């Protein structure tokens, strides 16, 4: 996971975690959540559409912990 980079497109609200590699297969895990694999079947990326909506509960929990600290 050390070679994964994080990109966020604020305008489109898409979060992308990925590393270099040629995408060979894309699997939709659930609406708006996609995993990308190379020809060896190794995970090379993940796209999260509507990221702020999907992650709002996680972000809320992080904010709560930061306010307590």
C-alpha atoms as a PDB file:
ATOM      1  CA  UNK A   1       0.000   0.000   0.000  1.00  0.00           C
ATOM      2  CA  UNK A   2       3.003   2.335   0.310  1.00  0.00           C
ATOM      3  CA  UNK A   3       3.053   2.986  -3.424  1.00  0.00           C
ATOM      4  CA  UNK A   4      -0.624   4.031  -3.570  1.00  0.00           C
ATOM      5  CA  UNK A   5      -1.336   7.726  -4.045  1.00  0.00           C
ATOM      6  CA  UNK A   6      -4.526   9.600  -3.219  1.00  0.00           C
ATOM      7  CA  UNK A   7      -6.202  12.038  -5.600  1.00  0.00           C
ATOM      8  CA  UNK A   8      -9.419  13.949  -5.038  1.00  0.00           C
ATOM      9  CA  UNK A   9     -11.374  15.770  -7.717  1.00  0.00           C
ATOM     10  CA  UNK A  10     -13.409  18.261  -5.700  1.00  0.00           C
ATOM     11  CA  UNK A  11     -15.426  19.430  -8.698  1.00  0.00           C
ATOM     12  CA  UNK A  12     -16.575  15.903  -9.577  1.00  0.00           C
ATOM     13  CA  UNK A  13     -16.414  14.623  -5.957  1.00  0.00           C
ATOM     14  CA  UNK A  14     -14.352  11.590  -6.919  1.00  0.00           C
ATOM     15  CA  UNK A  15     -11.724  10.082  -4.627  1.00  0.00           C
ATOM     16  CA  UNK A  16      -9.106   7.930  -6.340  1.00  0.00           C
ATOM     17  CA  UNK A  17      -6.507   5.735  -4.668  1.00  0.00           C
ATOM     18  CA  UNK A  18      -4.104   4.192  -7.104  1.00  0.00           C
ATOM     19  CA  UNK A  19      -0.633   3.278  -8.209  1.00  0.00           C
ATOM     20  CA  UNK A  20       1.063   2.962 -11.567  1.00  0.00           C
ATOM     21  CA  UNK A  21      -0.101   0.121 -13.712  1.00  0.00           C
ATOM     22  CA  UNK A  22      -2.232  -0.732 -16.697  1.00  0.00           C
ATOM     23  CA  UNK A  23      -5.866  -1.263 -15.796  1.00  0.00           C
ATOM     24  CA  UNK A  24      -7.106  -4.557 -17.164  1.00  0.00           C
ATOM     25  CA  UNK A  25     -10.356  -5.078 -15.258  1.00  0.00           C
ATOM     26  CA  UNK A  26     -12.781  -2.880 -13.333  1.00  0.00           C
ATOM     27  CA  UNK A  27     -15.174  -4.336 -10.772  1.00  0.00           C
ATOM     28  CA  UNK A  28     -18.094  -2.352  -9.376  1.00  0.00           C
ATOM     29  CA  UNK A  29     -18.379  -3.331  -5.715  1.00  0.00           C
ATOM     30  CA  UNK A  30     -21.485  -1.239  -5.185  1.00  0.00           C
ATOM     31  CA  UNK A  31     -22.917   1.823  -6.919  1.00  0.00           C
ATOM     32  CA  UNK A  32     -20.148   4.395  -7.222  1.00  0.00           C
ATOM     33  CA  UNK A  33     -17.352   2.200  -5.814  1.00  0.00           C
ATOM     34  CA  UNK A  34     -14.972   0.664  -8.348  1.00  0.00           C
ATOM     35  CA  UNK A  35     -11.843  -1.455  -7.934  1.00  0.00           C
ATOM     36  CA  UNK A  36      -9.291  -1.623 -10.753  1.00  0.00           C
ATOM     37  CA  UNK A  37      -7.001  -4.600 -11.334  1.00  0.00           C
ATOM     38  CA  UNK A  38      -3.996  -5.203 -13.575  1.00  0.00           C
ATOM     39  CA  UNK A  39      -3.507  -8.222 -15.845  1.00  0.00           C
ATOM     40  CA  UNK A  40      -2.097 -10.225 -12.895  1.00  0.00           C
ATOM     41  CA  UNK A  41      -5.232  -9.595 -10.857  1.00  0.00           C
ATOM     42  CA  UNK A  42      -3.457  -7.197  -8.485  1.00  0.00           C
ATOM     43  CA  UNK A  43      -5.356  -4.208  -7.175  1.00  0.00           C
ATOM     44  CA  UNK A  44      -4.003  -1.001  -8.715  1.00  0.00           C
ATOM     45  CA  UNK A  45      -6.773   1.461  -7.962  1.00  0.00           C
ATOM     46  CA  UNK A  46     -10.062   2.350  -6.356  1.00  0.00           C
ATOM     47  CA  UNK A  47     -12.515   5.048  -7.422  1.00  0.00           C
ATOM     48  CA  UNK A  48     -15.154   6.407  -5.103  1.00  0.00           C
ATOM     49  CA  UNK A  49     -17.811   8.529  -6.801  1.00  0.00           C
ATOM     50  CA  UNK A  50     -19.807  10.931  -4.589  1.00  0.00           C
ATOM     51  CA  UNK A  51     -16.978  10.530  -2.090  1.00  0.00           C
ATOM     52  CA  UNK A  52     -18.098  13.245   0.318  1.00  0.00           C
ATOM     53  CA  UNK A  53     -21.533  11.656   0.657  1.00  0.00           C
ATOM     54  CA  UNK A  54     -20.198   8.120   1.025  1.00  0.00           C
ATOM     55  CA  UNK A  55     -17.511   9.136   3.527  1.00  0.00           C
ATOM     56  CA  UNK A  56     -19.531  11.684   5.531  1.00  0.00           C
ATOM     57  CA  UNK A  57     -19.991   9.287   8.476  1.00  0.00           C
ATOM     58  CA  UNK A  58     -16.271   8.524   8.551  1.00  0.00           C
ATOM     59  CA  UNK A  59     -15.404  12.222   8.327  1.00  0.00           C
ATOM     60  CA  UNK A  60     -17.901  12.968  11.104  1.00  0.00           C
ATOM     61  CA  UNK A  61     -16.253  10.424  13.408  1.00  0.00           C
ATOM     62  CA  UNK A  62     -12.806  11.848  12.681  1.00  0.00           C
ATOM     63  CA  UNK A  63     -14.028  15.368  13.451  1.00  0.00           C
ATOM     64  CA  UNK A  64     -15.514  14.192  16.762  1.00  0.00           C
ATOM     65  CA  UNK A  65     -12.216  12.606  17.784  1.00  0.00           C
ATOM     66  CA  UNK A  66     -10.276  15.736  16.811  1.00  0.00           C
ATOM     67  CA  UNK A  67     -12.582  17.943  18.883  1.00  0.00           C
ATOM     68  CA  UNK A  68     -12.071  15.728  21.949  1.00  0.00           C
ATOM     69  CA  UNK A  69      -8.276  15.685  21.568  1.00  0.00           C
END
